[in-house]
Amino acid sequence: MSRDSENAVMAFKNAWLGAVTSAEELQKMAPAVDALPADTPVTSLDFDGYHRVLGAHANAVNAVRGLLDDLKPKKPSA
């Protein structure tokens, strides 16, 4: 395996781990979100906390997807 391939695989593994780790943070918040009573005032929600965790997860997932797109062998154009 070439050094470039090894680096690509390592980058993929690290990006994947980032997505998994950010998903774990979502999972940690799930019980609290699930336990919110229906009559909870919207103004009392932890907007900053939700944005932080959701943004981190979205960025991590998009990083993995972008990396996969970059690593995927390109079909020769006709």
C-alpha atoms as a PDB file:
ATOM      1  CA  MET A   1       0.000   0.000   0.000  1.00  0.00           C
ATOM      2  CA  SER A   2       1.382   3.403  -0.933  1.00  0.00           C
ATOM      3  CA  ARG A   3       1.993   6.122   1.589  1.00  0.00           C
ATOM      4  CA  ASP A   4      -0.793   8.191  -0.026  1.00  0.00           C
ATOM      5  CA  SER A   5      -3.225   5.297   0.420  1.00  0.00           C
ATOM      6  CA  GLU A   6      -2.198   4.858   4.042  1.00  0.00           C
ATOM      7  CA  ASN A   7      -2.715   8.575   4.671  1.00  0.00           C
ATOM      8  CA  ALA A   8      -6.114   8.463   2.950  1.00  0.00           C
ATOM      9  CA  VAL A   9      -7.240   5.516   5.061  1.00  0.00           C
ATOM     10  CA  MET A  10      -6.016   7.229   8.241  1.00  0.00           C
ATOM     11  CA  ALA A  11      -7.849  10.428   7.277  1.00  0.00           C
ATOM     12  CA  PHE A  12     -11.025   8.422   6.664  1.00  0.00           C
ATOM     13  CA  LYS A  13     -10.727   6.629  10.010  1.00  0.00           C
ATOM     14  CA  ASN A  14     -10.185   9.910  11.862  1.00  0.00           C
ATOM     15  CA  ALA A  15     -13.087  11.602  10.103  1.00  0.00           C
ATOM     16  CA  TRP A  16     -15.311   8.604  10.835  1.00  0.00           C
ATOM     17  CA  LEU A  17     -14.306   8.695  14.496  1.00  0.00           C
ATOM     18  CA  GLY A  18     -15.253  12.370  14.593  1.00  0.00           C
ATOM     19  CA  ALA A  19     -18.728  11.540  13.277  1.00  0.00           C
ATOM     20  CA  VAL A  20     -19.132   8.699  15.771  1.00  0.00           C
ATOM     21  CA  THR A  21     -17.970  10.879  18.664  1.00  0.00           C
ATOM     22  CA  SER A  22     -20.358  13.663  17.726  1.00  0.00           C
ATOM     23  CA  ALA A  23     -23.180  11.117  17.450  1.00  0.00           C
ATOM     24  CA  GLU A  24     -22.356   9.971  20.973  1.00  0.00           C
ATOM     25  CA  GLU A  25     -22.843  13.560  22.165  1.00  0.00           C
ATOM     26  CA  LEU A  26     -26.274  13.582  20.508  1.00  0.00           C
ATOM     27  CA  GLN A  27     -27.065  10.296  22.208  1.00  0.00           C
ATOM     28  CA  LYS A  28     -26.121  11.730  25.594  1.00  0.00           C
ATOM     29  CA  MET A  29     -28.625  14.563  25.092  1.00  0.00           C
ATOM     30  CA  ALA A  30     -31.404  12.290  23.817  1.00  0.00           C
ATOM     31  CA  PRO A  31     -32.923  11.394  27.220  1.00  0.00           C
ATOM     32  CA  ALA A  32     -33.172  15.043  28.243  1.00  0.00           C
ATOM     33  CA  VAL A  33     -34.774  16.018  24.946  1.00  0.00           C
ATOM     34  CA  ASP A  34     -37.136  13.040  25.103  1.00  0.00           C
ATOM     35  CA  ALA A  35     -38.132  13.969  28.657  1.00  0.00           C
ATOM     36  CA  LEU A  36     -39.178  17.504  27.742  1.00  0.00           C
ATOM     37  CA  PRO A  37     -42.839  17.927  28.616  1.00  0.00           C
ATOM     38  CA  ALA A  38     -45.039  18.985  25.701  1.00  0.00           C
ATOM     39  CA  ASP A  39     -45.911  22.172  27.556  1.00  0.00           C
ATOM     40  CA  THR A  40     -42.264  23.238  27.945  1.00  0.00           C
ATOM     41  CA  PRO A  41     -41.934  26.896  26.976  1.00  0.00           C
ATOM     42  CA  VAL A  42     -39.881  27.092  23.801  1.00  0.00           C
ATOM     43  CA  THR A  43     -37.963  30.021  25.270  1.00  0.00           C
ATOM     44  CA  SER A  44     -36.586  27.735  27.998  1.00  0.00           C
ATOM     45  CA  LEU A  45     -34.863  25.360  25.544  1.00  0.00           C
ATOM     46  CA  ASP A  46     -31.066  25.220  25.535  1.00  0.00           C
ATOM     47  CA  PHE A  47     -30.701  26.653  22.039  1.00  0.00           C
ATOM     48  CA  ASP A  48     -26.948  27.189  22.358  1.00  0.00           C
ATOM     49  CA  GLY A  49     -26.342  23.652  23.601  1.00  0.00           C
ATOM     50  CA  TYR A  50     -28.515  22.079  20.900  1.00  0.00           C
ATOM     51  CA  HIS A  51     -26.907  24.178  18.176  1.00  0.00           C
ATOM     52  CA  ARG A  52     -23.428  23.313  19.428  1.00  0.00           C
ATOM     53  CA  VAL A  53     -23.996  19.554  19.435  1.00  0.00           C
ATOM     54  CA  LEU A  54     -26.036  19.449  16.228  1.00  0.00           C
ATOM     55  CA  GLY A  55     -23.575  21.721  14.422  1.00  0.00           C
ATOM     56  CA  ALA A  56     -20.617  19.596  15.480  1.00  0.00           C
ATOM     57  CA  HIS A  57     -22.370  16.468  14.244  1.00  0.00           C
ATOM     58  CA  ALA A  58     -23.388  18.052  10.943  1.00  0.00           C
ATOM     59  CA  ASN A  59     -19.821  19.241  10.354  1.00  0.00           C
ATOM     60  CA  ALA A  60     -18.368  15.845  11.211  1.00  0.00           C
ATOM     61  CA  VAL A  61     -20.767  14.003   8.905  1.00  0.00           C
ATOM     62  CA  ASN A  62     -20.146  16.455   6.067  1.00  0.00           C
ATOM     63  CA  ALA A  63     -16.390  16.069   6.536  1.00  0.00           C
ATOM     64  CA  VAL A  64     -16.638  12.288   6.146  1.00  0.00           C
ATOM     65  CA  ARG A  65     -18.907  12.614   3.117  1.00  0.00           C
ATOM     66  CA  GLY A  66     -16.601  15.134   1.470  1.00  0.00           C
ATOM     67  CA  LEU A  67     -13.577  12.979   2.131  1.00  0.00           C
ATOM     68  CA  LEU A  68     -15.299   9.943   0.642  1.00  0.00           C
ATOM     69  CA  ASP A  69     -16.189  11.964  -2.434  1.00  0.00           C
ATOM     70  CA  ASP A  70     -12.549  13.015  -2.767  1.00  0.00           C
ATOM     71  CA  LEU A  71     -11.230   9.485  -2.264  1.00  0.00           C
ATOM     72  CA  LYS A  72     -13.688   7.741  -4.583  1.00  0.00           C
ATOM     73  CA  PRO A  73     -12.026   6.738  -7.828  1.00  0.00           C
ATOM     74  CA  LYS A  74     -13.153   8.951 -10.667  1.00  0.00           C
ATOM     75  CA  LYS A  75     -14.714   7.401 -13.746  1.00  0.00           C
ATOM     76  CA  PRO A  76     -12.941   8.428 -16.933  1.00  0.00           C
ATOM     77  CA  SER A  77     -14.960  10.970 -18.863  1.00  0.00           C
ATOM     78  CA  ALA A  78     -16.176   9.937 -22.282  1.00  0.00           C
END
